[in-house]
N, C-alpha and C. Protein backbone atom coordinates (compact mmCIF):
# COMPACT_ATOMS: atom_id res chain seq x y z
N MET A 1 10.07 -19.49 -3.22
CA MET A 1 11.17 -18.89 -2.52
C MET A 1 10.68 -18.45 -1.15
N SER A 2 11.16 -19.08 -0.12
CA SER A 2 10.76 -18.75 1.24
C SER A 2 11.80 -17.81 1.86
N LEU A 3 11.34 -16.65 2.25
CA LEU A 3 12.23 -15.66 2.84
C LEU A 3 11.91 -15.47 4.31
N THR A 4 12.91 -15.08 5.07
CA THR A 4 12.70 -14.72 6.47
C THR A 4 13.08 -13.26 6.63
N PRO A 5 12.49 -12.58 7.59
CA PRO A 5 12.81 -11.16 7.78
C PRO A 5 14.28 -10.97 8.13
N LYS A 6 14.90 -9.96 7.51
CA LYS A 6 16.29 -9.63 7.80
C LYS A 6 16.40 -8.51 8.83
N ARG A 7 15.30 -7.83 9.08
CA ARG A 7 15.32 -6.72 10.03
C ARG A 7 15.52 -7.25 11.45
N THR A 8 16.08 -6.41 12.31
CA THR A 8 16.23 -6.79 13.71
C THR A 8 14.85 -6.88 14.33
N GLN A 9 14.57 -7.99 14.99
CA GLN A 9 13.27 -8.16 15.63
C GLN A 9 13.41 -7.86 17.11
N TYR A 10 12.41 -7.19 17.64
CA TYR A 10 12.43 -6.78 19.03
C TYR A 10 11.31 -7.48 19.78
N PRO A 11 11.65 -8.52 20.58
CA PRO A 11 10.59 -9.23 21.31
C PRO A 11 9.94 -8.32 22.35
N VAL A 12 8.67 -8.57 22.60
CA VAL A 12 7.94 -7.74 23.55
C VAL A 12 8.54 -7.89 24.94
N ASN A 13 8.77 -6.75 25.57
CA ASN A 13 9.30 -6.73 26.93
C ASN A 13 8.70 -5.53 27.63
N LEU A 14 7.64 -5.75 28.35
CA LEU A 14 6.95 -4.67 29.04
C LEU A 14 7.18 -4.75 30.54
N SER A 15 8.28 -5.39 30.93
CA SER A 15 8.53 -5.61 32.36
C SER A 15 8.71 -4.31 33.15
N ASN A 16 9.26 -3.29 32.51
CA ASN A 16 9.49 -2.05 33.25
C ASN A 16 8.37 -1.02 33.04
N ILE A 17 7.30 -1.41 32.36
CA ILE A 17 6.15 -0.53 32.19
C ILE A 17 5.10 -0.91 33.21
N LYS A 18 4.76 0.00 34.07
CA LYS A 18 3.83 -0.28 35.16
C LYS A 18 2.42 0.20 34.79
N TYR A 19 1.51 -0.75 34.66
CA TYR A 19 0.11 -0.45 34.41
C TYR A 19 -0.74 -1.13 35.48
N ARG A 20 -1.90 -0.59 35.72
CA ARG A 20 -2.74 -1.09 36.80
C ARG A 20 -3.44 -2.40 36.47
N THR A 21 -3.83 -2.60 35.23
CA THR A 21 -4.63 -3.78 34.93
C THR A 21 -3.92 -4.71 33.95
N ARG A 22 -4.34 -5.96 33.99
CA ARG A 22 -3.83 -6.96 33.05
C ARG A 22 -4.30 -6.63 31.63
N MET A 23 -5.51 -6.06 31.51
CA MET A 23 -6.06 -5.71 30.19
C MET A 23 -5.18 -4.68 29.48
N GLU A 24 -4.68 -3.70 30.23
CA GLU A 24 -3.80 -2.70 29.63
C GLU A 24 -2.49 -3.33 29.15
N THR A 25 -1.97 -4.26 29.92
CA THR A 25 -0.74 -4.96 29.53
C THR A 25 -0.98 -5.80 28.28
N LEU A 26 -2.12 -6.47 28.21
CA LEU A 26 -2.45 -7.26 27.01
C LEU A 26 -2.61 -6.36 25.79
N THR A 27 -3.20 -5.20 25.98
CA THR A 27 -3.37 -4.25 24.87
C THR A 27 -2.01 -3.79 24.36
N LEU A 28 -1.11 -3.47 25.27
CA LEU A 28 0.24 -3.05 24.86
C LEU A 28 0.98 -4.17 24.13
N SER A 29 0.82 -5.40 24.61
CA SER A 29 1.45 -6.54 23.94
C SER A 29 0.89 -6.72 22.54
N ARG A 30 -0.41 -6.59 22.39
CA ARG A 30 -1.04 -6.71 21.07
C ARG A 30 -0.51 -5.62 20.13
N GLN A 31 -0.39 -4.40 20.62
CA GLN A 31 0.11 -3.31 19.80
C GLN A 31 1.56 -3.54 19.39
N TRP A 32 2.38 -4.00 20.34
CA TRP A 32 3.78 -4.31 20.06
C TRP A 32 3.86 -5.39 18.98
N ASP A 33 3.10 -6.48 19.18
CA ASP A 33 3.12 -7.60 18.24
C ASP A 33 2.59 -7.21 16.86
N THR A 34 1.60 -6.32 16.81
CA THR A 34 1.07 -5.87 15.52
C THR A 34 2.16 -5.16 14.73
N PHE A 35 2.90 -4.27 15.39
CA PHE A 35 3.99 -3.58 14.71
C PHE A 35 5.03 -4.57 14.21
N GLU A 36 5.44 -5.51 15.04
CA GLU A 36 6.45 -6.50 14.66
C GLU A 36 5.96 -7.36 13.48
N ARG A 37 4.73 -7.84 13.56
CA ARG A 37 4.18 -8.71 12.51
C ARG A 37 4.14 -8.00 11.16
N ILE A 38 3.65 -6.77 11.15
CA ILE A 38 3.52 -6.03 9.90
C ILE A 38 4.89 -5.65 9.34
N GLU A 39 5.80 -5.23 10.20
CA GLU A 39 7.14 -4.88 9.73
C GLU A 39 7.89 -6.10 9.21
N ASN A 40 7.70 -7.26 9.83
CA ASN A 40 8.33 -8.48 9.32
C ASN A 40 7.77 -8.84 7.95
N TYR A 41 6.45 -8.73 7.79
CA TYR A 41 5.82 -8.99 6.49
C TYR A 41 6.37 -8.02 5.44
N ASN A 42 6.39 -6.73 5.77
CA ASN A 42 6.87 -5.72 4.83
C ASN A 42 8.34 -5.90 4.49
N ASP A 43 9.13 -6.41 5.44
CA ASP A 43 10.54 -6.67 5.18
C ASP A 43 10.69 -7.77 4.12
N ILE A 44 9.87 -8.80 4.21
CA ILE A 44 9.92 -9.87 3.21
C ILE A 44 9.49 -9.34 1.85
N VAL A 45 8.45 -8.49 1.82
CA VAL A 45 8.01 -7.90 0.55
C VAL A 45 9.14 -7.04 -0.03
N TYR A 46 9.81 -6.28 0.82
CA TYR A 46 10.92 -5.43 0.35
C TYR A 46 12.05 -6.28 -0.23
N GLN A 47 12.34 -7.42 0.40
CA GLN A 47 13.36 -8.33 -0.14
C GLN A 47 12.96 -8.83 -1.53
N LYS A 48 11.67 -9.14 -1.68
CA LYS A 48 11.19 -9.59 -2.99
C LYS A 48 11.32 -8.48 -4.03
N LEU A 49 10.99 -7.25 -3.63
CA LEU A 49 11.11 -6.11 -4.54
C LEU A 49 12.56 -5.92 -4.98
N GLN A 50 13.49 -6.17 -4.08
CA GLN A 50 14.91 -6.03 -4.40
C GLN A 50 15.36 -7.05 -5.45
N THR A 51 14.67 -8.19 -5.52
CA THR A 51 15.02 -9.20 -6.52
C THR A 51 14.23 -9.02 -7.81
N GLY A 52 13.32 -8.04 -7.83
CA GLY A 52 12.53 -7.78 -9.03
C GLY A 52 11.16 -8.43 -9.01
N ASP A 53 10.84 -9.14 -7.94
CA ASP A 53 9.53 -9.79 -7.81
C ASP A 53 8.50 -8.78 -7.34
N ARG A 54 7.55 -8.44 -8.20
CA ARG A 54 6.52 -7.46 -7.87
C ARG A 54 5.16 -8.13 -7.62
N SER A 55 5.18 -9.41 -7.29
CA SER A 55 3.93 -10.16 -7.15
C SER A 55 3.22 -9.91 -5.82
N THR A 56 3.90 -9.31 -4.85
CA THR A 56 3.32 -9.10 -3.53
C THR A 56 3.37 -7.61 -3.20
N THR A 57 2.36 -7.14 -2.50
CA THR A 57 2.34 -5.73 -2.09
C THR A 57 2.56 -5.62 -0.59
N TYR A 58 2.90 -4.41 -0.16
CA TYR A 58 3.06 -4.17 1.27
C TYR A 58 1.75 -4.42 2.00
N TRP A 59 1.85 -4.56 3.30
CA TRP A 59 0.70 -4.85 4.15
C TRP A 59 -0.38 -3.79 3.99
N GLN A 60 -1.62 -4.24 3.83
CA GLN A 60 -2.78 -3.36 3.79
C GLN A 60 -3.54 -3.56 5.11
N PHE A 61 -3.73 -2.48 5.85
CA PHE A 61 -4.41 -2.60 7.14
C PHE A 61 -5.83 -3.09 6.94
N VAL A 62 -6.24 -4.02 7.79
CA VAL A 62 -7.58 -4.60 7.71
C VAL A 62 -8.63 -3.56 8.08
N ASP A 63 -8.33 -2.77 9.09
CA ASP A 63 -9.27 -1.73 9.53
C ASP A 63 -8.50 -0.64 10.27
N ALA A 64 -9.21 0.38 10.69
CA ALA A 64 -8.58 1.51 11.39
C ALA A 64 -8.00 1.07 12.73
N SER A 65 -8.62 0.08 13.36
CA SER A 65 -8.13 -0.42 14.64
C SER A 65 -6.74 -1.03 14.49
N GLU A 66 -6.54 -1.80 13.44
CA GLU A 66 -5.23 -2.41 13.22
C GLU A 66 -4.18 -1.33 12.94
N GLN A 67 -4.57 -0.31 12.20
CA GLN A 67 -3.63 0.78 11.91
C GLN A 67 -3.26 1.53 13.19
N LYS A 68 -4.23 1.72 14.09
CA LYS A 68 -3.96 2.38 15.37
C LYS A 68 -3.03 1.52 16.22
N ASP A 69 -3.26 0.19 16.23
CA ASP A 69 -2.39 -0.71 16.98
C ASP A 69 -0.96 -0.66 16.43
N TYR A 70 -0.83 -0.62 15.10
CA TYR A 70 0.49 -0.54 14.47
C TYR A 70 1.21 0.74 14.91
N THR A 71 0.52 1.87 14.84
CA THR A 71 1.12 3.15 15.22
C THR A 71 1.49 3.17 16.70
N ALA A 72 0.60 2.66 17.53
CA ALA A 72 0.89 2.60 18.97
C ALA A 72 2.07 1.67 19.24
N GLY A 73 2.13 0.54 18.54
CA GLY A 73 3.26 -0.37 18.69
C GLY A 73 4.57 0.26 18.25
N GLN A 74 4.51 1.04 17.20
CA GLN A 74 5.69 1.76 16.73
C GLN A 74 6.17 2.74 17.81
N MET A 75 5.23 3.46 18.42
CA MET A 75 5.58 4.40 19.49
C MET A 75 6.15 3.66 20.71
N LEU A 76 5.60 2.49 21.03
CA LEU A 76 6.14 1.69 22.13
C LEU A 76 7.60 1.31 21.86
N HIS A 77 7.89 0.90 20.63
CA HIS A 77 9.26 0.55 20.28
C HIS A 77 10.19 1.76 20.46
N ILE A 78 9.75 2.91 19.96
CA ILE A 78 10.57 4.13 20.04
C ILE A 78 10.81 4.50 21.50
N ASN A 79 9.76 4.40 22.33
CA ASN A 79 9.90 4.76 23.74
C ASN A 79 10.73 3.75 24.52
N PHE A 80 10.53 2.46 24.23
CA PHE A 80 11.26 1.43 24.97
C PHE A 80 12.74 1.42 24.62
N TYR A 81 13.04 1.60 23.32
CA TYR A 81 14.43 1.62 22.87
C TYR A 81 14.84 3.07 22.60
N SER A 82 14.79 3.88 23.63
CA SER A 82 15.09 5.30 23.49
C SER A 82 16.56 5.56 23.17
N ASN A 83 17.41 4.56 23.37
CA ASN A 83 18.83 4.71 23.04
C ASN A 83 19.08 4.57 21.53
N LEU A 84 18.10 4.08 20.78
CA LEU A 84 18.22 3.95 19.32
C LEU A 84 17.54 5.14 18.65
N PRO A 85 18.01 5.54 17.47
CA PRO A 85 17.32 6.64 16.77
C PRO A 85 15.91 6.21 16.39
N ALA A 86 14.98 7.15 16.42
CA ALA A 86 13.58 6.84 16.10
C ALA A 86 13.44 6.30 14.68
N SER A 87 14.35 6.69 13.78
CA SER A 87 14.28 6.21 12.39
C SER A 87 14.48 4.70 12.29
N THR A 88 15.04 4.08 13.34
CA THR A 88 15.19 2.62 13.36
C THR A 88 13.83 1.95 13.20
N PHE A 89 12.80 2.61 13.67
CA PHE A 89 11.46 2.01 13.65
C PHE A 89 10.55 2.67 12.62
N SER A 90 11.13 3.34 11.63
CA SER A 90 10.29 3.89 10.56
C SER A 90 9.80 2.74 9.70
N SER A 91 8.67 2.94 9.10
CA SER A 91 8.02 1.88 8.33
C SER A 91 8.85 1.44 7.13
N ILE A 92 9.01 0.14 6.97
CA ILE A 92 9.74 -0.40 5.82
C ILE A 92 9.03 -0.04 4.53
N SER A 93 7.72 0.03 4.56
CA SER A 93 6.96 0.33 3.34
C SER A 93 7.18 1.76 2.85
N SER A 94 7.78 2.62 3.68
CA SER A 94 8.04 3.99 3.23
C SER A 94 9.44 4.14 2.63
N ARG A 95 10.19 3.05 2.56
CA ARG A 95 11.51 3.09 1.92
C ARG A 95 11.32 3.31 0.42
N PRO A 96 12.32 3.91 -0.23
CA PRO A 96 12.22 4.05 -1.69
C PRO A 96 12.24 2.68 -2.36
N MET A 97 11.54 2.58 -3.47
CA MET A 97 11.50 1.32 -4.21
C MET A 97 12.88 1.00 -4.75
N PRO A 98 13.31 -0.25 -4.64
CA PRO A 98 14.61 -0.62 -5.18
C PRO A 98 14.61 -0.51 -6.71
N ASN A 99 15.72 -0.07 -7.26
CA ASN A 99 15.86 0.04 -8.71
C ASN A 99 16.43 -1.26 -9.25
N VAL A 100 15.55 -2.19 -9.56
CA VAL A 100 15.96 -3.45 -10.15
C VAL A 100 15.05 -3.74 -11.32
N LYS A 101 15.50 -4.58 -12.19
CA LYS A 101 14.71 -4.96 -13.34
C LYS A 101 13.49 -5.75 -12.87
N VAL A 102 12.34 -5.40 -13.37
CA VAL A 102 11.11 -6.08 -13.00
C VAL A 102 11.08 -7.44 -13.69
N VAL A 103 10.78 -8.48 -12.90
CA VAL A 103 10.74 -9.84 -13.42
C VAL A 103 9.57 -10.01 -14.38
N THR A 104 8.40 -9.55 -13.98
CA THR A 104 7.22 -9.65 -14.83
C THR A 104 6.68 -8.23 -15.05
N PRO A 105 7.09 -7.59 -16.13
CA PRO A 105 6.67 -6.21 -16.34
C PRO A 105 5.17 -6.12 -16.62
N ALA A 106 4.62 -5.00 -16.22
CA ALA A 106 3.21 -4.73 -16.47
C ALA A 106 3.02 -4.45 -17.96
N PRO A 107 1.86 -4.78 -18.52
CA PRO A 107 1.63 -4.51 -19.94
C PRO A 107 1.61 -3.00 -20.19
N SER A 108 2.06 -2.60 -21.36
CA SER A 108 2.02 -1.18 -21.71
C SER A 108 1.13 -1.01 -22.94
N PHE A 109 0.46 0.11 -22.99
CA PHE A 109 -0.44 0.40 -24.08
C PHE A 109 0.01 1.69 -24.73
N SER A 110 -0.04 1.74 -26.04
CA SER A 110 0.32 2.97 -26.72
C SER A 110 -0.67 3.22 -27.84
N VAL A 111 -0.94 4.47 -28.06
CA VAL A 111 -1.81 4.88 -29.16
C VAL A 111 -0.98 5.80 -30.04
N SER A 112 -0.83 5.42 -31.30
CA SER A 112 -0.04 6.25 -32.19
C SER A 112 -0.95 7.03 -33.12
N GLY A 113 -0.45 8.15 -33.59
CA GLY A 113 -1.23 8.97 -34.51
C GLY A 113 -2.23 9.83 -33.79
N PRO A 114 -2.97 10.62 -34.55
CA PRO A 114 -3.95 11.52 -33.93
C PRO A 114 -5.10 10.74 -33.32
N THR A 115 -5.62 11.23 -32.25
CA THR A 115 -6.73 10.58 -31.58
C THR A 115 -7.95 11.48 -31.63
N CYS A 116 -9.09 10.89 -31.40
CA CYS A 116 -10.35 11.63 -31.40
C CYS A 116 -10.81 11.94 -29.99
N ILE A 117 -9.95 11.73 -29.02
CA ILE A 117 -10.33 12.02 -27.65
C ILE A 117 -10.36 13.52 -27.48
N PRO A 118 -11.49 14.08 -27.07
CA PRO A 118 -11.57 15.53 -26.95
C PRO A 118 -10.63 16.03 -25.86
N GLN A 119 -10.02 17.15 -26.14
CA GLN A 119 -9.13 17.76 -25.16
C GLN A 119 -9.97 18.46 -24.10
N THR A 120 -9.69 18.16 -22.85
CA THR A 120 -10.43 18.79 -21.77
C THR A 120 -9.74 20.09 -21.38
N SER A 121 -10.47 20.95 -20.78
CA SER A 121 -9.87 22.20 -20.33
C SER A 121 -8.92 21.90 -19.18
N ALA A 122 -8.01 22.82 -18.96
CA ALA A 122 -7.02 22.64 -17.89
C ALA A 122 -7.74 22.49 -16.55
N ILE A 123 -7.29 21.51 -15.76
CA ILE A 123 -7.91 21.31 -14.46
C ILE A 123 -7.00 21.87 -13.38
N SER A 124 -7.60 22.16 -12.26
CA SER A 124 -6.83 22.74 -11.16
C SER A 124 -5.87 21.69 -10.59
N ALA A 125 -4.87 22.18 -9.89
CA ALA A 125 -3.88 21.29 -9.28
C ALA A 125 -4.53 20.36 -8.27
N SER A 126 -5.50 20.87 -7.51
CA SER A 126 -6.15 20.02 -6.51
C SER A 126 -6.99 18.92 -7.18
N ALA A 127 -7.64 19.25 -8.31
CA ALA A 127 -8.42 18.24 -9.02
C ALA A 127 -7.50 17.18 -9.61
N LYS A 128 -6.33 17.61 -10.11
CA LYS A 128 -5.37 16.65 -10.66
C LYS A 128 -4.84 15.74 -9.57
N THR A 129 -4.55 16.32 -8.41
CA THR A 129 -4.08 15.53 -7.26
C THR A 129 -5.14 14.53 -6.84
N GLN A 130 -6.41 14.95 -6.84
CA GLN A 130 -7.52 14.06 -6.49
C GLN A 130 -7.61 12.90 -7.47
N GLN A 131 -7.48 13.19 -8.78
CA GLN A 131 -7.53 12.14 -9.79
C GLN A 131 -6.38 11.14 -9.61
N GLN A 132 -5.20 11.67 -9.34
CA GLN A 132 -4.05 10.78 -9.14
C GLN A 132 -4.24 9.92 -7.90
N SER A 133 -4.80 10.50 -6.85
CA SER A 133 -5.08 9.75 -5.63
C SER A 133 -6.10 8.65 -5.90
N ASP A 134 -7.17 9.00 -6.63
CA ASP A 134 -8.20 8.02 -6.97
C ASP A 134 -7.61 6.85 -7.76
N LEU A 135 -6.79 7.17 -8.76
CA LEU A 135 -6.18 6.11 -9.57
C LEU A 135 -5.22 5.26 -8.75
N SER A 136 -4.48 5.91 -7.85
CA SER A 136 -3.56 5.18 -6.99
C SER A 136 -4.30 4.19 -6.09
N ILE A 137 -5.39 4.64 -5.49
CA ILE A 137 -6.19 3.76 -4.63
C ILE A 137 -6.77 2.62 -5.45
N TYR A 138 -7.27 2.92 -6.66
CA TYR A 138 -7.84 1.89 -7.53
C TYR A 138 -6.79 0.83 -7.86
N VAL A 139 -5.57 1.27 -8.23
CA VAL A 139 -4.51 0.32 -8.59
C VAL A 139 -4.11 -0.51 -7.37
N ASN A 140 -3.93 0.12 -6.22
CA ASN A 140 -3.52 -0.62 -5.02
C ASN A 140 -4.57 -1.64 -4.59
N VAL A 141 -5.84 -1.24 -4.58
CA VAL A 141 -6.90 -2.16 -4.16
C VAL A 141 -7.06 -3.28 -5.18
N SER A 142 -7.00 -2.96 -6.47
CA SER A 142 -7.12 -3.99 -7.51
C SER A 142 -5.98 -4.99 -7.41
N THR A 143 -4.78 -4.49 -7.16
CA THR A 143 -3.62 -5.36 -7.00
C THR A 143 -3.80 -6.25 -5.78
N TYR A 144 -4.23 -5.66 -4.68
CA TYR A 144 -4.47 -6.43 -3.45
C TYR A 144 -5.49 -7.54 -3.72
N ASN A 145 -6.61 -7.20 -4.37
CA ASN A 145 -7.66 -8.18 -4.62
C ASN A 145 -7.20 -9.29 -5.55
N SER A 146 -6.29 -8.98 -6.47
CA SER A 146 -5.83 -10.02 -7.40
C SER A 146 -4.83 -10.97 -6.74
N VAL A 147 -4.19 -10.52 -5.66
CA VAL A 147 -3.17 -11.33 -5.01
C VAL A 147 -3.73 -12.11 -3.82
N HIS A 148 -4.71 -11.56 -3.13
CA HIS A 148 -5.22 -12.16 -1.90
C HIS A 148 -6.51 -12.93 -2.12
N LYS A 149 -6.74 -13.85 -1.23
CA LYS A 149 -7.92 -14.71 -1.30
C LYS A 149 -9.20 -13.90 -1.00
N TYR A 150 -9.12 -12.98 -0.04
CA TYR A 150 -10.28 -12.19 0.33
C TYR A 150 -10.13 -10.77 -0.21
N ASP A 151 -11.26 -10.17 -0.59
CA ASP A 151 -11.24 -8.82 -1.12
C ASP A 151 -10.86 -7.80 -0.05
N TYR A 152 -10.29 -6.71 -0.51
CA TYR A 152 -9.88 -5.61 0.36
C TYR A 152 -11.11 -5.03 1.06
N ILE A 153 -10.97 -4.73 2.34
CA ILE A 153 -12.04 -4.10 3.12
C ILE A 153 -11.69 -2.64 3.29
N PHE A 154 -12.54 -1.77 2.79
CA PHE A 154 -12.28 -0.34 2.86
C PHE A 154 -12.50 0.17 4.28
N PRO A 155 -11.51 0.89 4.84
CA PRO A 155 -11.65 1.41 6.20
C PRO A 155 -12.60 2.60 6.29
N SER A 156 -12.88 3.24 5.15
CA SER A 156 -13.77 4.40 5.19
C SER A 156 -14.57 4.48 3.90
N ASN A 157 -15.71 5.14 3.99
CA ASN A 157 -16.55 5.35 2.82
C ASN A 157 -15.83 6.25 1.82
N GLU A 158 -15.03 7.17 2.30
CA GLU A 158 -14.30 8.08 1.43
C GLU A 158 -13.32 7.32 0.54
N GLU A 159 -12.63 6.32 1.12
CA GLU A 159 -11.70 5.53 0.33
C GLU A 159 -12.46 4.68 -0.70
N PHE A 160 -13.62 4.17 -0.31
CA PHE A 160 -14.44 3.39 -1.24
C PHE A 160 -14.88 4.25 -2.41
N MET A 161 -15.29 5.49 -2.13
CA MET A 161 -15.72 6.41 -3.19
C MET A 161 -14.54 6.74 -4.10
N SER A 162 -13.37 6.94 -3.53
CA SER A 162 -12.17 7.23 -4.31
C SER A 162 -11.84 6.06 -5.23
N TYR A 163 -11.96 4.84 -4.70
CA TYR A 163 -11.73 3.64 -5.50
C TYR A 163 -12.68 3.61 -6.70
N ASN A 164 -13.95 3.90 -6.46
CA ASN A 164 -14.93 3.88 -7.56
C ASN A 164 -14.67 4.97 -8.59
N ARG A 165 -14.22 6.16 -8.13
CA ARG A 165 -13.88 7.22 -9.09
C ARG A 165 -12.71 6.78 -9.96
N GLY A 166 -11.71 6.13 -9.35
CA GLY A 166 -10.57 5.62 -10.12
C GLY A 166 -10.99 4.55 -11.10
N LYS A 167 -11.86 3.66 -10.67
CA LYS A 167 -12.37 2.60 -11.53
C LYS A 167 -13.13 3.19 -12.71
N ASP A 168 -13.97 4.19 -12.45
CA ASP A 168 -14.71 4.85 -13.52
C ASP A 168 -13.78 5.52 -14.52
N ALA A 169 -12.72 6.15 -14.02
CA ALA A 169 -11.76 6.82 -14.91
C ALA A 169 -11.06 5.81 -15.81
N VAL A 170 -10.68 4.66 -15.25
CA VAL A 170 -10.02 3.63 -16.05
C VAL A 170 -10.99 3.06 -17.09
N CYS A 171 -12.24 2.82 -16.71
CA CYS A 171 -13.24 2.32 -17.65
C CYS A 171 -13.50 3.32 -18.77
N PHE A 172 -13.56 4.60 -18.41
CA PHE A 172 -13.78 5.64 -19.42
C PHE A 172 -12.63 5.67 -20.41
N ALA A 173 -11.40 5.63 -19.90
CA ALA A 173 -10.22 5.66 -20.78
C ALA A 173 -10.19 4.42 -21.68
N THR A 174 -10.53 3.28 -21.14
CA THR A 174 -10.57 2.04 -21.92
C THR A 174 -11.60 2.15 -23.04
N ASN A 175 -12.77 2.65 -22.72
CA ASN A 175 -13.82 2.82 -23.73
C ASN A 175 -13.39 3.81 -24.81
N GLN A 176 -12.70 4.87 -24.42
CA GLN A 176 -12.22 5.85 -25.41
C GLN A 176 -11.22 5.21 -26.35
N LEU A 177 -10.31 4.38 -25.81
CA LEU A 177 -9.33 3.71 -26.66
C LEU A 177 -10.01 2.73 -27.62
N GLU A 178 -11.03 2.01 -27.14
CA GLU A 178 -11.76 1.09 -28.01
C GLU A 178 -12.49 1.85 -29.11
N PHE A 179 -13.04 3.00 -28.76
CA PHE A 179 -13.75 3.82 -29.73
C PHE A 179 -12.79 4.30 -30.82
N VAL A 180 -11.61 4.76 -30.42
CA VAL A 180 -10.63 5.26 -31.38
C VAL A 180 -10.16 4.14 -32.28
N SER A 181 -9.89 2.95 -31.72
CA SER A 181 -9.43 1.85 -32.55
C SER A 181 -10.52 1.36 -33.50
N THR A 182 -11.79 1.47 -33.11
CA THR A 182 -12.90 1.11 -34.00
C THR A 182 -12.96 2.08 -35.17
N LEU A 183 -12.76 3.37 -34.90
CA LEU A 183 -12.77 4.37 -35.96
C LEU A 183 -11.66 4.12 -36.97
N ARG A 184 -10.52 3.65 -36.50
CA ARG A 184 -9.39 3.37 -37.38
C ARG A 184 -9.51 2.03 -38.09
N GLY A 185 -10.41 1.20 -37.62
CA GLY A 185 -10.56 -0.13 -38.20
C GLY A 185 -9.60 -1.14 -37.62
N VAL A 186 -9.00 -0.81 -36.48
CA VAL A 186 -8.06 -1.70 -35.81
C VAL A 186 -8.82 -2.47 -34.73
N HIS A 187 -8.60 -3.77 -34.65
CA HIS A 187 -9.29 -4.56 -33.64
C HIS A 187 -8.34 -5.19 -32.71
């Protein structure tokens, strides 16, 4: 299924922006184009999500430089089209997920009956938020790596560490479930 972006596209027009060098003009054009390219990609992903296709994820920035270009391009759009509300150029990826039936649902796991997993003491809200963030990064990066030809490149060491903490948590939970099923004699 080949989709085209449905969003209004804004071709680069820097004719009324006066800069001293050609390099600055090229930089602005690159930033403008980066915003357009990523928003067009995300628009197609959003269309797929509306049909229930969850096989593609929103754009993942290659590095911090690309993210800066995207943000600068977004600001250029807002400044150039000052007659339009700024929300016109809000990121498509920040839209709420469409409520449609998932075409290929993710597998679900359930454990019935009492388990032997020790109950941990209550954790602080910040620790719980950190765990959720770690798991979210792990899921997003794993999904990206399973869909794309090249592995995800982490923009920071902190994100890489968060990914590994999420991976460790998933491995630990998997091992606990295997241990419990072994105790029950279930394979």
